N, C-alpha and C. Protein backbone atom coordinates (compact mmCIF):
# COMPACT_ATOMS: atom_id res chain seq x y z
N MET A 1 0.69 -0.96 0.47
CA MET A 1 0.24 0.23 0.12
C MET A 1 0.88 1.38 0.03
N GLU A 2 0.84 2.56 -0.83
CA GLU A 2 1.46 3.81 -0.87
C GLU A 2 1.22 4.27 0.28
N GLU A 3 2.02 4.96 0.84
CA GLU A 3 2.32 5.59 1.92
C GLU A 3 1.65 7.01 1.64
N ARG A 4 1.18 7.51 2.35
CA ARG A 4 0.04 8.89 2.02
C ARG A 4 1.42 10.21 2.33
N PRO A 5 1.42 11.06 1.90
CA PRO A 5 2.39 12.24 2.37
C PRO A 5 1.94 12.83 3.83
N GLU A 6 2.66 13.29 4.89
CA GLU A 6 2.48 13.67 6.12
C GLU A 6 1.46 14.81 5.75
N TYR A 7 1.24 15.08 4.98
CA TYR A 7 0.06 16.52 4.83
C TYR A 7 -1.04 16.23 4.56
N PHE A 8 -1.32 14.65 4.81
CA PHE A 8 -2.75 14.59 4.69
C PHE A 8 -3.39 13.80 6.16
N ARG A 9 -4.48 13.98 6.04
CA ARG A 9 -4.90 13.93 7.55
C ARG A 9 -6.36 12.72 6.85
N CYS A 10 -6.21 11.66 7.46
CA CYS A 10 -7.74 10.69 7.19
C CYS A 10 -8.41 10.84 7.86
N ARG A 11 -10.27 10.62 7.78
CA ARG A 11 -11.26 10.98 8.85
C ARG A 11 -12.33 9.79 8.06
N PRO A 12 -12.81 9.35 8.82
CA PRO A 12 -13.96 8.36 8.09
C PRO A 12 -15.02 9.55 8.03
N ILE A 13 -16.19 9.83 6.89
CA ILE A 13 -17.38 10.00 7.26
C ILE A 13 -18.32 9.49 6.55
N GLY A 14 -18.84 8.89 7.19
CA GLY A 14 -19.60 7.86 6.52
C GLY A 14 -19.35 6.60 5.84
N LEU A 15 -19.43 6.09 5.09
CA LEU A 15 -18.82 5.00 4.20
C LEU A 15 -17.52 5.37 4.15
N ILE A 16 -17.46 6.89 3.60
CA ILE A 16 -16.60 7.32 2.52
C ILE A 16 -15.22 7.62 3.71
N LEU A 17 -14.03 7.59 3.04
CA LEU A 17 -12.88 8.31 3.96
C LEU A 17 -12.48 8.94 3.05
N SER A 18 -12.60 10.71 3.86
CA SER A 18 -11.65 11.80 3.39
C SER A 18 -10.72 12.08 3.92
N HIS A 19 -10.36 13.15 3.31
CA HIS A 19 -8.34 13.29 3.11
C HIS A 19 -8.52 14.45 3.32
N MET A 20 -8.25 15.00 4.55
CA MET A 20 -8.31 16.99 4.77
C MET A 20 -6.86 16.98 4.74
N GLN A 21 -7.03 17.88 3.16
CA GLN A 21 -5.36 18.16 3.06
C GLN A 21 -5.03 19.59 3.13
N SER A 22 -3.53 19.59 3.30
CA SER A 22 -2.62 20.82 4.30
C SER A 22 -2.02 20.86 2.65
N TYR A 23 -1.93 22.29 2.29
CA TYR A 23 -0.93 22.75 1.40
C TYR A 23 0.27 23.66 1.69
N THR A 24 1.47 23.14 1.29
CA THR A 24 2.91 23.74 1.32
C THR A 24 2.81 25.19 1.00
N ILE A 25 2.90 26.26 0.99
CA ILE A 25 3.08 27.25 0.64
C ILE A 25 3.16 27.44 -0.71
N GLY A 26 3.66 26.66 -1.91
CA GLY A 26 4.02 26.76 -3.19
C GLY A 26 2.51 26.49 -3.81
N GLN A 27 2.68 25.17 -2.71
CA GLN A 27 0.89 24.70 -3.62
C GLN A 27 0.15 25.85 -3.40
N ALA A 28 -0.20 26.71 -1.97
CA ALA A 28 -0.99 27.34 -1.92
C ALA A 28 -0.89 28.40 -2.65
N ALA A 29 0.16 28.95 -3.15
CA ALA A 29 0.34 30.07 -4.12
C ALA A 29 0.03 29.63 -5.66
N ARG A 30 0.13 28.41 -5.80
CA ARG A 30 -0.50 28.98 -7.46
C ARG A 30 -2.24 28.21 -7.25
N LEU A 31 -2.36 27.32 -6.43
CA LEU A 31 -4.51 27.62 -5.76
C LEU A 31 -4.82 29.59 -6.31
N LEU A 32 -3.86 29.67 -5.62
CA LEU A 32 -4.20 31.38 -5.40
C LEU A 32 -3.80 31.96 -6.38
N GLY A 33 -3.13 32.52 -7.44
CA GLY A 33 -2.87 32.44 -8.86
C GLY A 33 -1.68 33.86 -8.29
N VAL A 34 -0.85 33.31 -7.52
CA VAL A 34 0.35 34.10 -6.99
C VAL A 34 1.42 33.90 -6.82
N SER A 35 2.88 34.96 -6.36
CA SER A 35 4.12 33.89 -6.21
C SER A 35 4.38 33.10 -5.02
N PRO A 36 4.87 32.43 -4.63
CA PRO A 36 5.00 31.48 -3.33
C PRO A 36 5.54 33.10 -2.11
N ASP A 37 6.47 33.80 -2.72
CA ASP A 37 6.79 34.94 -1.66
C ASP A 37 5.55 35.73 -1.04
N THR A 38 4.58 36.04 -2.37
CA THR A 38 3.36 36.07 -1.41
C THR A 38 2.80 35.46 -0.84
N ALA A 39 2.76 34.29 -0.90
CA ALA A 39 1.81 33.88 0.02
C ALA A 39 2.82 34.01 1.17
N ARG A 40 4.20 33.95 1.19
CA ARG A 40 5.09 33.25 2.07
C ARG A 40 4.81 34.84 3.23
N ARG A 41 4.67 36.01 2.20
CA ARG A 41 4.47 37.14 2.81
C ARG A 41 3.25 37.54 3.90
N TRP A 42 2.22 37.05 3.13
CA TRP A 42 0.38 36.48 3.61
C TRP A 42 0.82 35.86 5.12
N ALA A 43 1.38 34.58 4.89
CA ALA A 43 1.45 33.94 6.04
C ALA A 43 2.37 34.76 7.05
N ASP A 44 3.71 35.31 6.15
CA ASP A 44 4.42 36.15 7.66
C ASP A 44 3.18 37.14 8.37
N ALA A 45 2.75 37.73 7.93
CA ALA A 45 1.57 38.85 7.88
C ALA A 45 0.51 38.58 9.13
N GLY A 46 0.44 36.98 9.17
CA GLY A 46 -0.73 36.39 10.27
C GLY A 46 -2.56 36.20 9.24
N ARG A 47 -2.21 37.04 7.72
CA ARG A 47 -3.50 36.93 6.45
C ARG A 47 -3.70 35.26 6.69
N VAL A 48 -3.10 34.42 6.98
CA VAL A 48 -3.64 33.25 7.04
C VAL A 48 -2.98 32.13 7.75
N ALA A 49 -3.45 31.64 8.22
CA ALA A 49 -3.07 30.43 9.59
C ALA A 49 -2.16 29.45 8.69
N THR A 50 -0.73 28.74 9.59
CA THR A 50 -0.12 27.91 9.26
C THR A 50 0.23 27.05 10.15
N HIS A 51 1.17 25.83 10.15
CA HIS A 51 1.61 25.11 10.93
C HIS A 51 2.45 24.51 10.50
N ARG A 52 3.26 24.13 11.18
CA ARG A 52 4.85 23.40 10.77
C ARG A 52 4.41 21.80 10.75
N ASP A 53 5.41 20.65 9.94
CA ASP A 53 4.51 19.81 9.55
C ASP A 53 6.32 18.72 10.53
N GLU A 54 6.26 17.41 10.67
CA GLU A 54 7.27 16.92 11.35
C GLU A 54 8.94 17.57 10.82
N GLY A 55 8.97 18.10 9.74
CA GLY A 55 10.25 18.20 8.80
C GLY A 55 10.46 19.56 8.46
N GLY A 56 9.15 20.37 9.67
CA GLY A 56 9.13 22.30 9.41
C GLY A 56 8.59 23.15 8.48
N ARG A 57 8.10 22.28 7.23
CA ARG A 57 8.24 23.05 6.40
C ARG A 57 6.50 23.42 7.12
N ARG A 58 5.81 24.58 6.79
CA ARG A 58 4.96 25.66 6.51
C ARG A 58 3.64 25.38 6.00
N LEU A 59 2.49 25.28 6.40
CA LEU A 59 1.22 23.94 5.91
C LEU A 59 0.33 24.87 6.21
N ILE A 60 -0.68 25.41 5.29
CA ILE A 60 -1.94 25.39 5.42
C ILE A 60 -3.17 24.63 5.43
N ASP A 61 -3.51 24.35 6.41
CA ASP A 61 -5.20 23.43 6.11
C ASP A 61 -6.24 24.11 5.46
N GLY A 62 -6.59 22.96 4.30
CA GLY A 62 -7.49 23.25 3.24
C GLY A 62 -8.13 24.37 3.28
N ARG A 63 -8.89 23.82 4.77
CA ARG A 63 -10.68 24.78 4.84
C ARG A 63 -10.04 26.25 5.58
N ASP A 64 -8.59 26.54 6.21
CA ASP A 64 -8.58 27.83 6.30
C ASP A 64 -8.09 28.56 4.61
N LEU A 65 -7.40 27.04 3.77
CA LEU A 65 -7.00 28.10 2.64
C LEU A 65 -8.24 28.57 1.52
N ALA A 66 -9.23 27.46 1.68
CA ALA A 66 -10.46 27.87 0.92
C ALA A 66 -10.80 29.11 2.06
N ALA A 67 -11.20 29.57 2.86
CA ALA A 67 -11.77 30.79 3.33
C ALA A 67 -11.04 31.98 2.85
N PHE A 68 -9.95 31.77 2.82
CA PHE A 68 -8.57 32.65 2.56
C PHE A 68 -8.98 33.25 0.78
N SER A 69 -8.36 32.07 0.18
CA SER A 69 -9.28 32.41 -1.31
C SER A 69 -10.31 33.06 -1.34
N VAL A 70 -11.06 32.67 -0.86
CA VAL A 70 -12.65 33.47 -0.93
C VAL A 70 -12.96 34.94 -0.59
N GLU A 71 -11.93 35.21 0.24
CA GLU A 71 -11.87 36.18 1.71
C GLU A 71 -10.94 37.39 0.29
N ILE A 72 -9.82 36.46 -0.58
CA ILE A 72 -9.20 37.68 -1.43
C ILE A 72 -10.11 37.85 -2.65
N ALA A 73 -10.57 36.52 -3.25
CA ALA A 73 -11.55 37.51 -4.18
C ALA A 73 -12.66 37.86 -3.93
N GLN A 74 -13.30 38.45 -2.84
CA GLN A 74 -13.89 39.11 -2.55
C GLN A 74 -13.53 40.22 -2.67
N SER A 75 -12.42 40.80 -2.02
CA SER A 75 -11.33 41.68 -1.71
C SER A 75 -11.09 42.87 -3.14
N GLY A 76 -11.28 41.75 -4.00
CA GLY A 76 -11.04 42.68 -5.15
C GLY A 76 -9.46 41.78 -5.40
N GLY A 77 -9.65 40.66 -5.26
CA GLY A 77 -7.95 39.99 -5.60
C GLY A 77 -6.92 40.64 -5.48
N VAL A 78 -6.07 39.60 -6.43
CA VAL A 78 -4.50 40.46 -5.87
C VAL A 78 -3.78 41.49 -7.22
N ALA A 79 -3.01 42.03 -6.07
CA ALA A 79 -2.10 43.32 -7.19
C ALA A 79 -2.06 42.65 -8.39
N GLU A 80 -2.02 43.54 -9.25
CA GLU A 80 -1.79 43.12 -11.28
C GLU A 80 -0.57 42.75 -10.92
N GLY A 81 0.31 43.11 -10.19
CA GLY A 81 2.00 42.29 -10.55
C GLY A 81 2.46 40.68 -10.29
N ASP A 82 0.94 40.45 -9.38
CA ASP A 82 1.08 38.91 -8.53
C ASP A 82 0.62 37.85 -9.57
N VAL A 83 -0.54 37.99 -9.86
CA VAL A 83 -1.52 37.54 -11.05
C VAL A 83 -0.38 37.23 -12.37
N PRO A 84 0.01 36.11 -12.48
CA PRO A 84 0.58 34.83 -13.63
C PRO A 84 -0.44 35.39 -14.97
N TYR A 85 0.80 35.55 -16.04
CA TYR A 85 -0.06 35.34 -17.46
C TYR A 85 -0.15 34.11 -17.90
N THR A 86 -1.14 33.52 -18.11
CA THR A 86 -1.09 32.29 -18.22
C THR A 86 -2.62 32.09 -19.48
N SER A 87 -1.98 30.54 -20.45
CA SER A 87 -3.49 30.81 -21.19
C SER A 87 -4.04 29.23 -20.47
N ALA A 88 -4.84 29.32 -19.46
CA ALA A 88 -5.46 28.72 -19.13
C ALA A 88 -6.06 27.83 -19.37
N ARG A 89 -6.76 27.80 -20.72
CA ARG A 89 -7.87 27.56 -22.07
C ARG A 89 -8.89 26.72 -21.11
N ASN A 90 -9.07 25.81 -20.93
CA ASN A 90 -10.34 25.56 -20.18
C ASN A 90 -10.33 24.31 -19.22
N ALA A 91 -8.99 24.44 -17.80
CA ALA A 91 -9.52 23.63 -16.81
C ALA A 91 -8.59 24.95 -15.99
N PHE A 92 -9.52 25.02 -14.62
CA PHE A 92 -9.01 26.13 -13.62
C PHE A 92 -8.96 25.27 -12.59
N PRO A 93 -7.55 25.10 -12.23
CA PRO A 93 -7.41 24.53 -10.87
C PRO A 93 -7.76 25.55 -9.83
N GLY A 94 -8.19 24.67 -8.33
CA GLY A 94 -8.32 25.56 -7.50
C GLY A 94 -8.75 25.12 -6.60
N ILE A 95 -9.71 24.97 -4.83
CA ILE A 95 -9.58 25.33 -4.15
C ILE A 95 -11.15 25.22 -3.65
N VAL A 96 -11.86 23.40 -3.09
CA VAL A 96 -13.46 23.91 -3.02
C VAL A 96 -13.62 24.67 -2.33
N THR A 97 -14.07 25.77 -1.74
CA THR A 97 -15.16 26.49 -0.69
C THR A 97 -16.04 26.03 -0.63
N ALA A 98 -17.08 25.76 -0.80
CA ALA A 98 -18.73 25.07 -0.58
C ALA A 98 -18.68 23.91 -1.06
N VAL A 99 -20.12 23.52 -0.58
CA VAL A 99 -20.31 21.92 -0.99
C VAL A 99 -21.82 21.76 -0.42
N LYS A 100 -23.39 21.88 -1.82
CA LYS A 100 -24.20 21.75 -0.58
C LYS A 100 -24.66 20.28 -1.19
N LEU A 101 -25.22 19.93 -0.44
CA LEU A 101 -25.71 18.18 -0.52
C LEU A 101 -27.00 18.05 -0.44
N GLY A 102 -27.83 17.97 -2.10
CA GLY A 102 -29.32 17.94 -1.61
C GLY A 102 -29.01 15.95 -1.68
N ASP A 103 -30.58 15.10 -1.95
CA ASP A 103 -30.97 13.83 -1.47
C ASP A 103 -29.96 13.07 -3.15
N VAL A 104 -30.15 13.66 -4.74
CA VAL A 104 -29.69 13.31 -5.74
C VAL A 104 -28.70 13.99 -5.92
N ALA A 105 -28.62 15.27 -5.89
CA ALA A 105 -27.85 16.67 -6.87
C ALA A 105 -27.20 17.37 -5.47
N ALA A 106 -26.13 17.98 -6.59
CA ALA A 106 -25.25 18.67 -5.65
C ALA A 106 -24.88 19.96 -6.12
N GLN A 107 -24.72 20.87 -5.29
CA GLN A 107 -23.36 22.50 -6.03
C GLN A 107 -21.71 22.31 -5.46
N VAL A 108 -21.12 22.21 -5.98
CA VAL A 108 -19.56 22.58 -5.84
C VAL A 108 -19.26 23.99 -6.06
N GLU A 109 -18.60 24.77 -5.24
CA GLU A 109 -18.16 25.76 -5.83
C GLU A 109 -16.36 25.72 -5.39
N ILE A 110 -15.81 26.19 -7.05
CA ILE A 110 -14.33 26.14 -6.61
C ILE A 110 -13.91 27.65 -7.23
N GLN A 111 -13.02 28.01 -6.18
CA GLN A 111 -12.27 28.67 -6.26
C GLN A 111 -10.79 29.26 -6.42
N ALA A 112 -10.93 29.43 -7.75
CA ALA A 112 -9.99 28.80 -9.39
C ALA A 112 -9.38 30.36 -9.14
N GLY A 113 -8.03 31.09 -8.79
CA GLY A 113 -7.90 32.40 -8.47
C GLY A 113 -8.83 33.34 -8.28
N PRO A 114 -9.06 34.47 -9.22
CA PRO A 114 -9.65 35.27 -9.01
C PRO A 114 -11.26 34.51 -9.49
N HIS A 115 -11.19 33.48 -10.32
CA HIS A 115 -12.32 32.98 -10.58
C HIS A 115 -13.20 31.78 -9.61
N ARG A 116 -14.43 32.40 -9.44
CA ARG A 116 -15.42 31.32 -8.43
C ARG A 116 -16.22 30.49 -9.84
N LEU A 117 -15.87 29.30 -9.94
CA LEU A 117 -16.97 28.57 -10.85
C LEU A 117 -17.96 27.52 -9.64
N VAL A 118 -19.12 27.34 -10.18
CA VAL A 118 -19.91 26.81 -9.31
C VAL A 118 -20.71 25.53 -10.15
N SER A 119 -20.36 24.75 -10.00
CA SER A 119 -20.91 23.47 -10.64
C SER A 119 -22.10 22.50 -9.99
N LEU A 120 -22.90 22.21 -10.96
CA LEU A 120 -24.31 21.01 -10.34
C LEU A 120 -23.91 19.66 -10.77
N LEU A 121 -23.67 19.11 -10.06
CA LEU A 121 -23.49 17.56 -10.49
C LEU A 121 -24.46 16.65 -9.44
N THR A 122 -24.42 15.37 -9.62
CA THR A 122 -24.56 14.32 -8.71
C THR A 122 -24.25 14.18 -7.20
N ARG A 123 -25.09 13.71 -6.04
CA ARG A 123 -24.83 14.04 -4.83
C ARG A 123 -23.75 12.70 -5.00
N GLU A 124 -23.38 11.26 -5.63
CA GLU A 124 -22.83 10.48 -5.65
C GLU A 124 -21.49 10.59 -6.32
N ALA A 125 -21.38 11.63 -7.18
CA ALA A 125 -20.26 12.07 -8.16
C ALA A 125 -19.21 12.45 -6.63
N VAL A 126 -20.06 13.59 -5.79
CA VAL A 126 -19.52 14.79 -5.35
C VAL A 126 -18.93 13.66 -4.04
N GLU A 127 -19.26 12.38 -3.29
CA GLU A 127 -19.52 11.41 -2.67
C GLU A 127 -17.77 10.43 -2.55
N GLU A 128 -18.10 10.46 -4.27
CA GLU A 128 -17.05 9.17 -4.92
C GLU A 128 -15.65 10.22 -4.88
N LEU A 129 -15.96 11.21 -5.41
CA LEU A 129 -14.42 12.33 -5.58
C LEU A 129 -14.23 12.80 -4.25
N GLY A 130 -14.87 12.52 -3.19
CA GLY A 130 -14.69 13.28 -1.90
C GLY A 130 -14.36 14.60 -1.54
N LEU A 131 -15.11 15.28 -2.75
CA LEU A 131 -15.08 16.86 -2.71
C LEU A 131 -15.92 17.61 -1.66
N GLU A 132 -15.17 18.30 -0.82
CA GLU A 132 -15.32 18.84 1.11
C GLU A 132 -14.80 20.05 0.26
N VAL A 133 -14.82 21.25 1.37
CA VAL A 133 -14.18 22.11 2.05
C VAL A 133 -12.80 21.90 2.27
N GLY A 134 -12.00 22.54 1.18
CA GLY A 134 -10.63 22.69 1.65
C GLY A 134 -9.63 21.36 0.55
N VAL A 135 -10.66 20.85 0.06
CA VAL A 135 -9.86 19.55 -1.05
C VAL A 135 -9.42 20.53 -2.53
N GLU A 136 -8.34 19.87 -2.86
CA GLU A 136 -8.13 20.86 -3.95
C GLU A 136 -8.86 19.80 -5.29
N ALA A 137 -9.07 21.19 -6.19
CA ALA A 137 -9.93 20.14 -7.04
C ALA A 137 -9.44 21.05 -8.94
N THR A 138 -9.76 20.36 -9.93
CA THR A 138 -9.84 21.24 -10.96
C THR A 138 -11.22 20.93 -11.77
N ALA A 139 -11.73 22.37 -11.93
CA ALA A 139 -12.89 22.42 -12.93
C ALA A 139 -12.45 22.76 -14.33
N ARG A 140 -13.69 21.93 -15.07
CA ARG A 140 -13.17 21.99 -16.59
C ARG A 140 -14.46 22.25 -17.42
N VAL A 141 -14.28 23.25 -18.18
CA VAL A 141 -15.11 23.38 -18.65
C VAL A 141 -15.01 23.40 -20.19
N LYS A 142 -16.42 22.37 -20.75
CA LYS A 142 -16.54 22.37 -22.15
C LYS A 142 -17.80 22.94 -22.42
N SER A 143 -17.66 23.18 -23.95
CA SER A 143 -18.80 24.24 -24.33
C SER A 143 -19.26 23.65 -25.36
N THR A 144 -20.20 22.58 -25.80
CA THR A 144 -20.86 22.11 -26.52
C THR A 144 -21.55 22.44 -27.33
N SER A 145 -21.60 23.93 -28.02
CA SER A 145 -21.79 24.82 -28.69
C SER A 145 -21.13 26.27 -29.03
N VAL A 146 -20.50 26.43 -29.75
CA VAL A 146 -20.40 27.62 -30.33
C VAL A 146 -20.78 27.76 -31.39
N HIS A 147 -20.77 29.47 -32.05
CA HIS A 147 -21.18 30.78 -32.42
C HIS A 147 -20.73 31.33 -32.92
N ILE A 148 -20.26 31.96 -34.03
CA ILE A 148 -19.35 32.78 -34.49
C ILE A 148 -20.90 33.28 -35.57
N ASP A 149 -20.28 34.60 -35.07
CA ASP A 149 -21.20 35.58 -36.21
C ASP A 149 -20.31 36.49 -36.51
N ARG A 150 -20.50 36.50 -38.36
CA ARG A 150 -19.60 37.80 -39.16
C ARG A 150 -19.91 39.05 -39.13
N ALA A 151 -19.62 39.45 -39.18
CA ALA A 151 -20.05 40.89 -38.53
C ALA A 151 -20.20 41.92 -40.55
């Protein structure tokens, strides 16, 4: 059996084993769309709580990172110089910030840098994927129809 990294903590939820993930400063920076130096400065200033693992690495709890990512997005995002230039195409890596479960359907919100994405999917899919607040996830957008008009 493959051994999980130290920054994973497991806890049972019903029939599902959930992994509450912690993130390194570098991982958090990537999810927030900023440089590791910016994420480190935010941690040093106490804007986001950190703890250390056995190896001395600073880690951010997934739930804390999810709340912080929403706070950053609602405050207008990060300074323009901190946003990387990228061609994201149709993949939006981010962190789950909310999960609303119904009897059959579910709504999942992902904060991907300055972008908030909301997806409706089955409750079964949410449970199978282990989606909960603080978990890293990627939203992929596919258009089934694209229209082009000529001027």
